[in-house]
Amino acid sequence: MDPERARELLARERERVERALVSQGELEGSDELSEADADPADVATELPDTDLEAGLVEQFKDELESIERAEKRLGDGTYGLSIESGEAIPDGRLEAVPWAERTADEQERWERGG
């Protein structure tokens, strides 16, 4: 993949993730009632949303770390090569997941723990 295209894709994804993290931060800092002042039933119904938000924040942080590693690989000249095998990652995969660290097959094996 052309390095300029890679920079463009990574910058776009960084902006998306950072915007999402800021948005989640604003939700957490809103002027809602404290749990001590809130009705227990209301707090109980909000727990799944809080868990979901925490999960999303964690996902966005993981993506941001992956983007940072991809930007480092771009600077090192190793962007687009699998960190596992050194094999070229297809451009189509990098277009879809610009921070991809492995080929699709390698990623599938890694996610399964193999």
PDB file of N, CA and C in Angstrom:
ATOM      1  N   MET A   1       0.846  -1.171   0.000  1.00  0.00           N
ATOM      2  CA  MET A   1       0.000   0.000   0.000  1.00  0.00           C
ATOM      3  C   MET A   1       0.894   1.238   0.000  1.00  0.00           C
ATOM      4  N   ASP A   2       0.459   2.206  -0.745  1.00  0.00           N
ATOM      5  CA  ASP A   2       1.162   3.482  -0.813  1.00  0.00           C
ATOM      6  C   ASP A   2       1.216   4.121   0.577  1.00  0.00           C
ATOM      7  N   PRO A   3       2.392   4.547   1.034  1.00  0.00           N
ATOM      8  CA  PRO A   3       2.499   5.129   2.380  1.00  0.00           C
ATOM      9  C   PRO A   3       1.587   6.339   2.609  1.00  0.00           C
ATOM     10  N   GLU A   4       1.389   7.142   1.577  1.00  0.00           N
ATOM     11  CA  GLU A   4       0.508   8.316   1.731  1.00  0.00           C
ATOM     12  C   GLU A   4      -0.937   7.875   1.970  1.00  0.00           C
ATOM     13  N   ARG A   5      -1.364   6.842   1.258  1.00  0.00           N
ATOM     14  CA  ARG A   5      -2.717   6.307   1.469  1.00  0.00           C
ATOM     15  C   ARG A   5      -2.836   5.734   2.874  1.00  0.00           C
ATOM     16  N   ALA A   6      -1.811   5.040   3.326  1.00  0.00           N
ATOM     17  CA  ALA A   6      -1.812   4.473   4.675  1.00  0.00           C
ATOM     18  C   ALA A   6      -1.920   5.579   5.718  1.00  0.00           C
ATOM     19  N   ARG A   7      -1.154   6.666   5.539  1.00  0.00           N
ATOM     20  CA  ARG A   7      -1.225   7.796   6.482  1.00  0.00           C
ATOM     21  C   ARG A   7      -2.635   8.385   6.519  1.00  0.00           C
ATOM     22  N   GLU A   8      -3.224   8.508   5.340  1.00  0.00           N
ATOM     23  CA  GLU A   8      -4.590   9.056   5.235  1.00  0.00           C
ATOM     24  C   GLU A   8      -5.592   8.168   5.993  1.00  0.00           C
ATOM     25  N   LEU A   9      -5.508   6.870   5.750  1.00  0.00           N
ATOM     26  CA  LEU A   9      -6.429   5.941   6.416  1.00  0.00           C
ATOM     27  C   LEU A   9      -6.231   5.942   7.926  1.00  0.00           C
ATOM     28  N   LEU A  10      -4.982   5.919   8.366  1.00  0.00           N
ATOM     29  CA  LEU A  10      -4.707   5.906   9.801  1.00  0.00           C
ATOM     30  C   LEU A  10      -5.146   7.215  10.463  1.00  0.00           C
ATOM     31  N   ALA A  11      -4.935   8.342   9.786  1.00  0.00           N
ATOM     32  CA  ALA A  11      -5.359   9.634  10.337  1.00  0.00           C
ATOM     33  C   ALA A  11      -6.880   9.676  10.474  1.00  0.00           C
ATOM     34  N   ARG A  12      -7.576   9.165   9.455  1.00  0.00           N
ATOM     35  CA  ARG A  12      -9.043   9.133   9.505  1.00  0.00           C
ATOM     36  C   ARG A  12      -9.526   8.270  10.666  1.00  0.00           C
ATOM     37  N   GLU A  13      -8.919   7.106  10.837  1.00  0.00           N
ATOM     38  CA  GLU A  13      -9.321   6.211  11.917  1.00  0.00           C
ATOM     39  C   GLU A  13      -8.962   6.789  13.289  1.00  0.00           C
ATOM     40  N   ARG A  14      -7.806   7.426  13.385  1.00  0.00           N
ATOM     41  CA  ARG A  14      -7.419   8.068  14.651  1.00  0.00           C
ATOM     42  C   ARG A  14      -8.452   9.129  15.029  1.00  0.00           C
ATOM     43  N   GLU A  15      -8.831   9.944  14.069  1.00  0.00           N
ATOM     44  CA  GLU A  15      -9.822  10.989  14.325  1.00  0.00           C
ATOM     45  C   GLU A  15     -11.151  10.386  14.781  1.00  0.00           C
ATOM     46  N   ARG A  16     -11.589   9.326  14.119  1.00  0.00           N
ATOM     47  CA  ARG A  16     -12.850   8.663  14.478  1.00  0.00           C
ATOM     48  C   ARG A  16     -12.803   8.139  15.908  1.00  0.00           C
ATOM     49  N   VAL A  17     -11.713   7.473  16.248  1.00  0.00           N
ATOM     50  CA  VAL A  17     -11.593   6.871  17.584  1.00  0.00           C
ATOM     51  C   VAL A  17     -11.469   7.961  18.652  1.00  0.00           C
ATOM     52  N   GLU A  18     -10.667   8.979  18.381  1.00  0.00           N
ATOM     53  CA  GLU A  18     -10.520  10.052  19.364  1.00  0.00           C
ATOM     54  C   GLU A  18     -11.834  10.785  19.589  1.00  0.00           C
ATOM     55  N   ARG A  19     -12.587  11.004  18.510  1.00  0.00           N
ATOM     56  CA  ARG A  19     -13.915  11.632  18.641  1.00  0.00           C
ATOM     57  C   ARG A  19     -14.831  10.774  19.500  1.00  0.00           C
ATOM     58  N   ALA A  20     -14.788   9.481  19.277  1.00  0.00           N
ATOM     59  CA  ALA A  20     -15.630   8.561  20.050  1.00  0.00           C
ATOM     60  C   ALA A  20     -15.238   8.570  21.525  1.00  0.00           C
ATOM     61  N   LEU A  21     -13.951   8.611  21.806  1.00  0.00           N
ATOM     62  CA  LEU A  21     -13.499   8.644  23.197  1.00  0.00           C
ATOM     63  C   LEU A  21     -13.912   9.946  23.884  1.00  0.00           C
ATOM     64  N   VAL A  22     -13.804  11.059  23.171  1.00  0.00           N
ATOM     65  CA  VAL A  22     -14.243  12.339  23.734  1.00  0.00           C
ATOM     66  C   VAL A  22     -15.737  12.285  24.013  1.00  0.00           C
ATOM     67  N   SER A  23     -16.481  11.729  23.081  1.00  0.00           N
ATOM     68  CA  SER A  23     -17.933  11.612  23.256  1.00  0.00           C
ATOM     69  C   SER A  23     -18.267  10.774  24.487  1.00  0.00           C
ATOM     70  N   GLN A  24     -17.590   9.671  24.663  1.00  0.00           N
ATOM     71  CA  GLN A  24     -17.827   8.831  25.828  1.00  0.00           C
ATOM     72  C   GLN A  24     -17.435   9.558  27.112  1.00  0.00           C
ATOM     73  N   GLY A  25     -16.387  10.335  27.062  1.00  0.00           N
ATOM     74  CA  GLY A  25     -15.961  11.102  28.231  1.00  0.00           C
ATOM     75  C   GLY A  25     -16.997  12.137  28.619  1.00  0.00           C
ATOM     76  N   GLU A  26     -17.622  12.747  27.627  1.00  0.00           N
ATOM     77  CA  GLU A  26     -18.664  13.739  27.913  1.00  0.00           C
ATOM     78  C   GLU A  26     -19.875  13.077  28.538  1.00  0.00           C
ATOM     79  N   LEU A  27     -20.188  11.880  28.103  1.00  0.00           N
ATOM     80  CA  LEU A  27     -21.326  11.175  28.698  1.00  0.00           C
ATOM     81  C   LEU A  27     -21.059  10.878  30.159  1.00  0.00           C
ATOM     82  N   GLU A  28     -19.849  10.483  30.474  1.00  0.00           N
ATOM     83  CA  GLU A  28     -19.497  10.151  31.847  1.00  0.00           C
ATOM     84  C   GLU A  28     -19.471  11.384  32.735  1.00  0.00           C
ATOM     85  N   GLY A  29     -19.184  12.546  32.165  1.00  0.00           N
ATOM     86  CA  GLY A  29     -19.074  13.753  32.958  1.00  0.00           C
ATOM     87  C   GLY A  29     -20.343  14.572  33.001  1.00  0.00           C
ATOM     88  N   SER A  30     -21.458  14.023  32.576  1.00  0.00           N
ATOM     89  CA  SER A  30     -22.698  14.791  32.561  1.00  0.00           C
ATOM     90  C   SER A  30     -23.204  15.037  33.971  1.00  0.00           C
ATOM     91  N   ASP A  31     -24.146  15.942  34.098  1.00  0.00           N
ATOM     92  CA  ASP A  31     -24.668  16.351  35.404  1.00  0.00           C
ATOM     93  C   ASP A  31     -25.818  15.463  35.857  1.00  0.00           C
ATOM     94  N   GLU A  32     -25.625  14.164  35.818  1.00  0.00           N
ATOM     95  CA  GLU A  32     -26.660  13.254  36.293  1.00  0.00           C
ATOM     96  C   GLU A  32     -26.622  13.191  37.805  1.00  0.00           C
ATOM     97  N   LEU A  33     -27.706  12.692  38.390  1.00  0.00           N
ATOM     98  CA  LEU A  33     -27.749  12.501  39.831  1.00  0.00           C
ATOM     99  C   LEU A  33     -26.679  11.502  40.245  1.00  0.00           C
ATOM    100  N   SER A  34     -26.123  11.692  41.422  1.00  0.00           N
ATOM    101  CA  SER A  34     -25.191  10.693  41.924  1.00  0.00           C
ATOM    102  C   SER A  34     -25.978   9.450  42.284  1.00  0.00           C
ATOM    103  N   GLU A  35     -25.296   8.323  42.370  1.00  0.00           N
ATOM    104  CA  GLU A  35     -25.983   7.082  42.707  1.00  0.00           C
ATOM    105  C   GLU A  35     -26.640   7.167  44.076  1.00  0.00           C
ATOM    106  N   ALA A  36     -26.060   7.940  44.991  1.00  0.00           N
ATOM    107  CA  ALA A  36     -26.632   8.063  46.335  1.00  0.00           C
ATOM    108  C   ALA A  36     -27.982   8.773  46.294  1.00  0.00           C
ATOM    109  N   ASP A  37     -28.163   9.702  45.353  1.00  0.00           N
ATOM    110  CA  ASP A  37     -29.403  10.467  45.248  1.00  0.00           C
ATOM    111  C   ASP A  37     -30.424   9.807  44.335  1.00  0.00           C
ATOM    112  N   ALA A  38     -29.998   8.850  43.556  1.00  0.00           N
ATOM    113  CA  ALA A  38     -30.872   8.259  42.542  1.00  0.00           C
ATOM    114  C   ALA A  38     -31.699   7.125  43.124  1.00  0.00           C
ATOM    115  N   ASP A  39     -32.816   6.891  42.472  1.00  0.00           N
ATOM    116  CA  ASP A  39     -33.686   5.776  42.829  1.00  0.00           C
ATOM    117  C   ASP A  39     -32.969   4.478  42.474  1.00  0.00           C
ATOM    118  N   PRO A  40     -32.920   3.494  43.380  1.00  0.00           N
ATOM    119  CA  PRO A  40     -32.213   2.229  43.096  1.00  0.00           C
ATOM    120  C   PRO A  40     -32.689   1.542  41.821  1.00  0.00           C
ATOM    121  N   ALA A  41     -33.966   1.640  41.513  1.00  0.00           N
ATOM    122  CA  ALA A  41     -34.480   1.015  40.296  1.00  0.00           C
ATOM    123  C   ALA A  41     -33.896   1.687  39.063  1.00  0.00           C
ATOM    124  N   ASP A  42     -33.751   3.018  39.120  1.00  0.00           N
ATOM    125  CA  ASP A  42     -33.160   3.734  37.995  1.00  0.00           C
ATOM    126  C   ASP A  42     -31.697   3.347  37.811  1.00  0.00           C
ATOM    127  N   VAL A  43     -30.976   3.249  38.911  1.00  0.00           N
ATOM    128  CA  VAL A  43     -29.559   2.863  38.846  1.00  0.00           C
ATOM    129  C   VAL A  43     -29.426   1.468  38.244  1.00  0.00           C
ATOM    130  N   ALA A  44     -30.291   0.551  38.659  1.00  0.00           N
ATOM    131  CA  ALA A  44     -30.228  -0.824  38.152  1.00  0.00           C
ATOM    132  C   ALA A  44     -30.467  -0.874  36.652  1.00  0.00           C
ATOM    133  N   THR A  45     -31.376  -0.059  36.135  1.00  0.00           N
ATOM    134  CA  THR A  45     -31.635  -0.085  34.698  1.00  0.00           C
ATOM    135  C   THR A  45     -30.514   0.575  33.910  1.00  0.00           C
ATOM    136  N   GLU A  46     -29.715   1.427  34.559  1.00  0.00           N
ATOM    137  CA  GLU A  46     -28.610   2.089  33.881  1.00  0.00           C
ATOM    138  C   GLU A  46     -27.347   1.235  33.858  1.00  0.00           C
ATOM    139  N   LEU A  47     -27.256   0.220  34.683  1.00  0.00           N
ATOM    140  CA  LEU A  47     -26.042  -0.596  34.752  1.00  0.00           C
ATOM    141  C   LEU A  47     -25.656  -1.208  33.414  1.00  0.00           C
ATOM    142  N   PRO A  48     -26.598  -1.799  32.675  1.00  0.00           N
ATOM    143  CA  PRO A  48     -26.179  -2.364  31.388  1.00  0.00           C
ATOM    144  C   PRO A  48     -25.611  -1.294  30.452  1.00  0.00           C
ATOM    145  N   ASP A  49     -26.180  -0.084  30.471  1.00  0.00           N
ATOM    146  CA  ASP A  49     -25.646   0.986  29.639  1.00  0.00           C
ATOM    147  C   ASP A  49     -24.234   1.339  30.069  1.00  0.00           C
ATOM    148  N   THR A  50     -24.006   1.400  31.374  1.00  0.00           N
ATOM    149  CA  THR A  50     -22.688   1.717  31.898  1.00  0.00           C
ATOM    150  C   THR A  50     -21.685   0.647  31.486  1.00  0.00           C
ATOM    151  N   ASP A  51     -22.084  -0.623  31.587  1.00  0.00           N
ATOM    152  CA  ASP A  51     -21.207  -1.717  31.160  1.00  0.00           C
ATOM    153  C   ASP A  51     -20.913  -1.615  29.671  1.00  0.00           C
ATOM    154  N   LEU A  52     -21.938  -1.300  28.886  1.00  0.00           N
ATOM    155  CA  LEU A  52     -21.762  -1.159  27.440  1.00  0.00           C
ATOM    156  C   LEU A  52     -20.809  -0.013  27.136  1.00  0.00           C
ATOM    157  N   GLU A  53     -21.002   1.127  27.803  1.00  0.00           N
ATOM    158  CA  GLU A  53     -20.118   2.269  27.593  1.00  0.00           C
ATOM    159  C   GLU A  53     -18.686   1.928  27.971  1.00  0.00           C
ATOM    160  N   ALA A  54     -18.504   1.242  29.084  1.00  0.00           N
ATOM    161  CA  ALA A  54     -17.163   0.847  29.515  1.00  0.00           C
ATOM    162  C   ALA A  54     -16.532  -0.081  28.482  1.00  0.00           C
ATOM    163  N   GLY A  55     -17.323  -0.991  27.939  1.00  0.00           N
ATOM    164  CA  GLY A  55     -16.827  -1.895  26.901  1.00  0.00           C
ATOM    165  C   GLY A  55     -16.435  -1.146  25.640  1.00  0.00           C
ATOM    166  N   LEU A  56     -17.247  -0.164  25.264  1.00  0.00           N
ATOM    167  CA  LEU A  56     -16.929   0.641  24.082  1.00  0.00           C
ATOM    168  C   LEU A  56     -15.665   1.461  24.299  1.00  0.00           C
ATOM    169  N   VAL A  57     -15.538   2.050  25.472  1.00  0.00           N
ATOM    170  CA  VAL A  57     -14.346   2.839  25.777  1.00  0.00           C
ATOM    171  C   VAL A  57     -13.109   1.949  25.687  1.00  0.00           C
ATOM    172  N   GLU A  58     -13.193   0.753  26.258  1.00  0.00           N
ATOM    173  CA  GLU A  58     -12.063  -0.177  26.202  1.00  0.00           C
ATOM    174  C   GLU A  58     -11.735  -0.541  24.750  1.00  0.00           C
ATOM    175  N   GLN A  59     -12.758  -0.785  23.946  1.00  0.00           N
ATOM    176  CA  GLN A  59     -12.552  -1.112  22.534  1.00  0.00           C
ATOM    177  C   GLN A  59     -11.882   0.054  21.813  1.00  0.00           C
ATOM    178  N   PHE A  60     -12.359   1.279  22.057  1.00  0.00           N
ATOM    179  CA  PHE A  60     -11.766   2.451  21.403  1.00  0.00           C
ATOM    180  C   PHE A  60     -10.310   2.653  21.829  1.00  0.00           C
ATOM    181  N   LYS A  61     -10.017   2.422  23.112  1.00  0.00           N
ATOM    182  CA  LYS A  61      -8.635   2.551  23.587  1.00  0.00           C
ATOM    183  C   LYS A  61      -7.737   1.509  22.921  1.00  0.00           C
ATOM    184  N   ASP A  62      -8.248   0.283  22.786  1.00  0.00           N
ATOM    185  CA  ASP A  62      -7.485  -0.775  22.106  1.00  0.00           C
ATOM    186  C   ASP A  62      -7.221  -0.398  20.651  1.00  0.00           C
ATOM    187  N   GLU A  63      -8.252   0.142  19.979  1.00  0.00           N
ATOM    188  CA  GLU A  63      -8.086   0.554  18.587  1.00  0.00           C
ATOM    189  C   GLU A  63      -7.061   1.671  18.472  1.00  0.00           C
ATOM    190  N   LEU A  64      -7.105   2.635  19.401  1.00  0.00           N
ATOM    191  CA  LEU A  64      -6.155   3.737  19.360  1.00  0.00           C
ATOM    192  C   LEU A  64      -4.723   3.222  19.540  1.00  0.00           C
ATOM    193  N   GLU A  65      -4.533   2.283  20.456  1.00  0.00           N
ATOM    194  CA  GLU A  65      -3.200   1.691  20.635  1.00  0.00           C
ATOM    195  C   GLU A  65      -2.751   0.971  19.366  1.00  0.00           C
ATOM    196  N   SER A  66      -3.678   0.274  18.707  1.00  0.00           N
ATOM    197  CA  SER A  66      -3.349  -0.424  17.457  1.00  0.00           C
ATOM    198  C   SER A  66      -2.988   0.567  16.356  1.00  0.00           C
ATOM    199  N   ILE A  67      -3.715   1.673  16.301  1.00  0.00           N
ATOM    200  CA  ILE A  67      -3.423   2.716  15.310  1.00  0.00           C
ATOM    201  C   ILE A  67      -2.037   3.297  15.571  1.00  0.00           C
ATOM    202  N   GLU A  68      -1.716   3.543  16.837  1.00  0.00           N
ATOM    203  CA  GLU A  68      -0.394   4.069  17.178  1.00  0.00           C
ATOM    204  C   GLU A  68       0.716   3.101  16.765  1.00  0.00           C
ATOM    205  N   ARG A  69       0.497   1.806  16.986  1.00  0.00           N
ATOM    206  CA  ARG A  69       1.498   0.818  16.563  1.00  0.00           C
ATOM    207  C   ARG A  69       1.635   0.809  15.039  1.00  0.00           C
ATOM    208  N   ALA A  70       0.506   0.948  14.331  1.00  0.00           N
ATOM    209  CA  ALA A  70       0.550   0.980  12.863  1.00  0.00           C
ATOM    210  C   ALA A  70       1.291   2.217  12.379  1.00  0.00           C
ATOM    211  N   GLU A  71       1.070   3.357  13.032  1.00  0.00           N
ATOM    212  CA  GLU A  71       1.782   4.578  12.655  1.00  0.00           C
ATOM    213  C   GLU A  71       3.288   4.406  12.870  1.00  0.00           C
ATOM    214  N   LYS A  72       3.663   3.717  13.931  1.00  0.00           N
ATOM    215  CA  LYS A  72       5.081   3.449  14.193  1.00  0.00           C
ATOM    216  C   LYS A  72       5.656   2.548  13.097  1.00  0.00           C
ATOM    217  N   ARG A  73       4.899   1.497  12.720  1.00  0.00           N
ATOM    218  CA  ARG A  73       5.365   0.609  11.653  1.00  0.00           C
ATOM    219  C   ARG A  73       5.496   1.381  10.335  1.00  0.00           C
ATOM    220  N   LEU A  74       4.589   2.309  10.096  1.00  0.00           N
ATOM    221  CA  LEU A  74       4.661   3.123   8.886  1.00  0.00           C
ATOM    222  C   LEU A  74       5.969   3.921   8.882  1.00  0.00           C
ATOM    223  N   GLY A  75       6.298   4.504  10.029  1.00  0.00           N
ATOM    224  CA  GLY A  75       7.556   5.250  10.153  1.00  0.00           C
ATOM    225  C   GLY A  75       8.785   4.367  10.025  1.00  0.00           C
ATOM    226  N   ASP A  76       8.678   3.122  10.505  1.00  0.00           N
ATOM    227  CA  ASP A  76       9.792   2.171  10.444  1.00  0.00           C
ATOM    228  C   ASP A  76       9.936   1.513   9.071  1.00  0.00           C
ATOM    229  N   GLY A  77       8.935   1.669   8.238  1.00  0.00           N
ATOM    230  CA  GLY A  77       8.963   1.034   6.924  1.00  0.00           C
ATOM    231  C   GLY A  77       8.463  -0.402   6.922  1.00  0.00           C
ATOM    232  N   THR A  78       7.811  -0.819   8.011  1.00  0.00           N
ATOM    233  CA  THR A  78       7.303  -2.194   8.077  1.00  0.00           C
ATOM    234  C   THR A  78       5.776  -2.263   8.006  1.00  0.00           C
ATOM    235  N   TYR A  79       5.129  -1.123   7.771  1.00  0.00           N
ATOM    236  CA  TYR A  79       3.668  -1.114   7.653  1.00  0.00           C
ATOM    237  C   TYR A  79       3.249  -2.008   6.489  1.00  0.00           C
ATOM    238  N   GLY A  80       2.195  -2.767   6.697  1.00  0.00           N
ATOM    239  CA  GLY A  80       1.686  -3.642   5.642  1.00  0.00           C
ATOM    240  C   GLY A  80       2.302  -5.021   5.650  1.00  0.00           C
ATOM    241  N   LEU A  81       3.222  -5.257   6.603  1.00  0.00           N
ATOM    242  CA  LEU A  81       3.817  -6.580   6.757  1.00  0.00           C
ATOM    243  C   LEU A  81       3.344  -7.174   8.075  1.00  0.00           C
ATOM    244  N   SER A  82       3.009  -8.439   8.057  1.00  0.00           N
ATOM    245  CA  SER A  82       2.544  -9.116   9.257  1.00  0.00           C
ATOM    246  C   SER A  82       3.616  -9.091  10.335  1.00  0.00           C
ATOM    247  N   ILE A  83       3.193  -8.770  11.567  1.00  0.00           N
ATOM    248  CA  ILE A  83       4.138  -8.797  12.683  1.00  0.00           C
ATOM    249  C   ILE A  83       4.466 -10.230  13.078  1.00  0.00           C
ATOM    250  N   GLU A  84       3.676 -11.158  12.586  1.00  0.00           N
ATOM    251  CA  GLU A  84       3.872 -12.572  12.914  1.00  0.00           C
ATOM    252  C   GLU A  84       4.807 -13.258  11.929  1.00  0.00           C
ATOM    253  N   SER A  85       4.515 -13.108  10.637  1.00  0.00           N
ATOM    254  CA  SER A  85       5.265 -13.857   9.625  1.00  0.00           C
ATOM    255  C   SER A  85       6.112 -12.989   8.701  1.00  0.00           C
ATOM    256  N   GLY A  86       5.854 -11.682   8.697  1.00  0.00           N
ATOM    257  CA  GLY A  86       6.535 -10.809   7.757  1.00  0.00           C
ATOM    258  C   GLY A  86       5.891 -10.808   6.384  1.00  0.00           C
ATOM    259  N   GLU A  87       4.859 -11.630   6.218  1.00  0.00           N
ATOM    260  CA  GLU A  87       4.128 -11.714   4.956  1.00  0.00           C
ATOM    261  C   GLU A  87       3.364 -10.414   4.709  1.00  0.00           C
ATOM    262  N   ALA A  88       3.236 -10.037   3.435  1.00  0.00           N
ATOM    263  CA  ALA A  88       2.489  -8.829   3.080  1.00  0.00           C
ATOM    264  C   ALA A  88       1.010  -8.996   3.424  1.00  0.00           C
ATOM    265  N   ILE A  89       0.454  -7.972   4.032  1.00  0.00           N
ATOM    266  CA  ILE A  89      -0.990  -7.942   4.323  1.00  0.00           C
ATOM    267  C   ILE A  89      -1.648  -7.337   3.089  1.00  0.00           C
ATOM    268  N   PRO A  90      -2.641  -8.006   2.500  1.00  0.00           N
ATOM    269  CA  PRO A  90      -3.276  -7.493   1.291  1.00  0.00           C
ATOM    270  C   PRO A  90      -3.846  -6.078   1.485  1.00  0.00           C
ATOM    271  N   ASP A  91      -3.723  -5.269   0.431  1.00  0.00           N
ATOM    272  CA  ASP A  91      -4.226  -3.894   0.484  1.00  0.00           C
ATOM    273  C   ASP A  91      -5.702  -3.830   0.852  1.00  0.00           C
ATOM    274  N   GLY A  92      -6.494  -4.782   0.374  1.00  0.00           N
ATOM    275  CA  GLY A  92      -7.918  -4.791   0.700  1.00  0.00           C
ATOM    276  C   GLY A  92      -8.154  -4.885   2.197  1.00  0.00           C
ATOM    277  N   ARG A  93      -7.344  -5.700   2.866  1.00  0.00           N
ATOM    278  CA  ARG A  93      -7.459  -5.820   4.327  1.00  0.00           C
ATOM    279  C   ARG A  93      -7.042  -4.512   4.996  1.00  0.00           C
ATOM    280  N   LEU A  94      -5.978  -3.896   4.507  1.00  0.00           N
ATOM    281  CA  LEU A  94      -5.513  -2.642   5.090  1.00  0.00           C
ATOM    282  C   LEU A  94      -6.500  -1.501   4.838  1.00  0.00           C
ATOM    283  N   GLU A  95      -7.201  -1.546   3.729  1.00  0.00           N
ATOM    284  CA  GLU A  95      -8.249  -0.541   3.471  1.00  0.00           C
ATOM    285  C   GLU A  95      -9.371  -0.691   4.497  1.00  0.00           C
ATOM    286  N   ALA A  96      -9.715  -1.930   4.810  1.00  0.00           N
ATOM    287  CA  ALA A  96     -10.806  -2.191   5.757  1.00  0.00           C
ATOM    288  C   ALA A  96     -10.370  -1.991   7.202  1.00  0.00           C
ATOM    289  N   VAL A  97      -9.162  -2.423   7.513  1.00  0.00           N
ATOM    290  CA  VAL A  97      -8.619  -2.347   8.882  1.00  0.00           C
ATOM    291  C   VAL A  97      -7.199  -1.797   8.769  1.00  0.00           C
ATOM    292  N   PRO A  98      -7.060  -0.469   8.679  1.00  0.00           N
ATOM    293  CA  PRO A  98      -5.734   0.105   8.434  1.00  0.00           C
ATOM    294  C   PRO A  98      -4.684  -0.226   9.494  1.00  0.00           C
ATOM    295  N   TRP A  99      -5.105  -0.603  10.671  1.00  0.00           N
ATOM    296  CA  TRP A  99      -4.167  -0.937  11.750  1.00  0.00           C
ATOM    297  C   TRP A  99      -3.878  -2.431  11.823  1.00  0.00           C
ATOM    298  N   ALA A 100      -4.312  -3.189  10.828  1.00  0.00           N
ATOM    299  CA  ALA A 100      -4.117  -4.644  10.833  1.00  0.00           C
ATOM    300  C   ALA A 100      -2.642  -4.978  11.046  1.00  0.00           C
ATOM    301  N   GLU A 101      -2.395  -5.935  11.940  1.00  0.00           N
ATOM    302  CA  GLU A 101      -1.027  -6.341  12.256  1.00  0.00           C
ATOM    303  C   GLU A 101      -0.676  -7.697  11.653  1.00  0.00           C
ATOM    304  N   ARG A 102      -1.691  -8.419  11.223  1.00  0.00           N
ATOM    305  CA  ARG A 102      -1.501  -9.769  10.685  1.00  0.00           C
ATOM    306  C   ARG A 102      -2.374  -9.943   9.449  1.00  0.00           C
ATOM    307  N   THR A 103      -2.055 -10.967   8.661  1.00  0.00           N
ATOM    308  CA  THR A 103      -2.952 -11.338   7.575  1.00  0.00           C
ATOM    309  C   THR A 103      -4.260 -11.831   8.199  1.00  0.00           C
ATOM    310  N   ALA A 104      -5.306 -11.933   7.420  1.00  0.00           N
ATOM    311  CA  ALA A 104      -6.605 -12.377   7.947  1.00  0.00           C
ATOM    312  C   ALA A 104      -6.503 -13.782   8.543  1.00  0.00           C
ATOM    313  N   ASP A 105      -5.809 -14.693   7.867  1.00  0.00           N
ATOM    314  CA  ASP A 105      -5.664 -16.060   8.390  1.00  0.00           C
ATOM    315  C   ASP A 105      -4.898 -16.074   9.710  1.00  0.00           C
ATOM    316  N   GLU A 106      -3.819 -15.316   9.769  1.00  0.00           N
ATOM    317  CA  GLU A 106      -3.034 -15.256  11.000  1.00  0.00           C
ATOM    318  C   GLU A 106      -3.853 -14.651  12.139  1.00  0.00           C
ATOM    319  N   GLN A 107      -4.627 -13.606  11.831  1.00  0.00           N
ATOM    320  CA  GLN A 107      -5.449 -12.964  12.850  1.00  0.00           C
ATOM    321  C   GLN A 107      -6.493 -13.928  13.395  1.00  0.00           C
ATOM    322  N   GLU A 108      -7.098 -14.690  12.501  1.00  0.00           N
ATOM    323  CA  GLU A 108      -8.099 -15.679  12.928  1.00  0.00           C
ATOM    324  C   GLU A 108      -7.474 -16.713  13.857  1.00  0.00           C
ATOM    325  N   ARG A 109      -6.302 -17.222  13.489  1.00  0.00           N
ATOM    326  CA  ARG A 109      -5.608 -18.186  14.359  1.00  0.00           C
ATOM    327  C   ARG A 109      -5.245 -17.555  15.699  1.00  0.00           C
ATOM    328  N   TRP A 110      -4.752 -16.320  15.672  1.00  0.00           N
ATOM    329  CA  TRP A 110      -4.341 -15.620  16.896  1.00  0.00           C
ATOM    330  C   TRP A 110      -5.543 -15.420  17.831  1.00  0.00           C
ATOM    331  N   GLU A 111      -6.690 -15.054  17.269  1.00  0.00           N
ATOM    332  CA  GLU A 111      -7.892 -14.834  18.070  1.00  0.00           C
ATOM    333  C   GLU A 111      -8.400 -16.131  18.676  1.00  0.00           C
ATOM    334  N   ARG A 112      -8.174 -17.240  18.005  1.00  0.00           N
ATOM    335  CA  ARG A 112      -8.586 -18.541  18.544  1.00  0.00           C
ATOM    336  C   ARG A 112      -7.576 -19.065  19.573  1.00  0.00           C
ATOM    337  N   GLY A 113      -6.469 -18.344  19.707  1.00  0.00           N
ATOM    338  CA  GLY A 113      -5.460 -18.767  20.686  1.00  0.00           C
ATOM    339  C   GLY A 113      -4.436 -19.713  20.118  1.00  0.00           C
ATOM    340  N   GLY A 114      -4.397 -19.852  18.816  1.00  0.00           N
ATOM    341  CA  GLY A 114      -3.479 -20.813  18.202  1.00  0.00           C
ATOM    342  C   GLY A 114      -2.396 -20.154  17.528  1.00  0.00           C
TER     343      GLY A 114
END
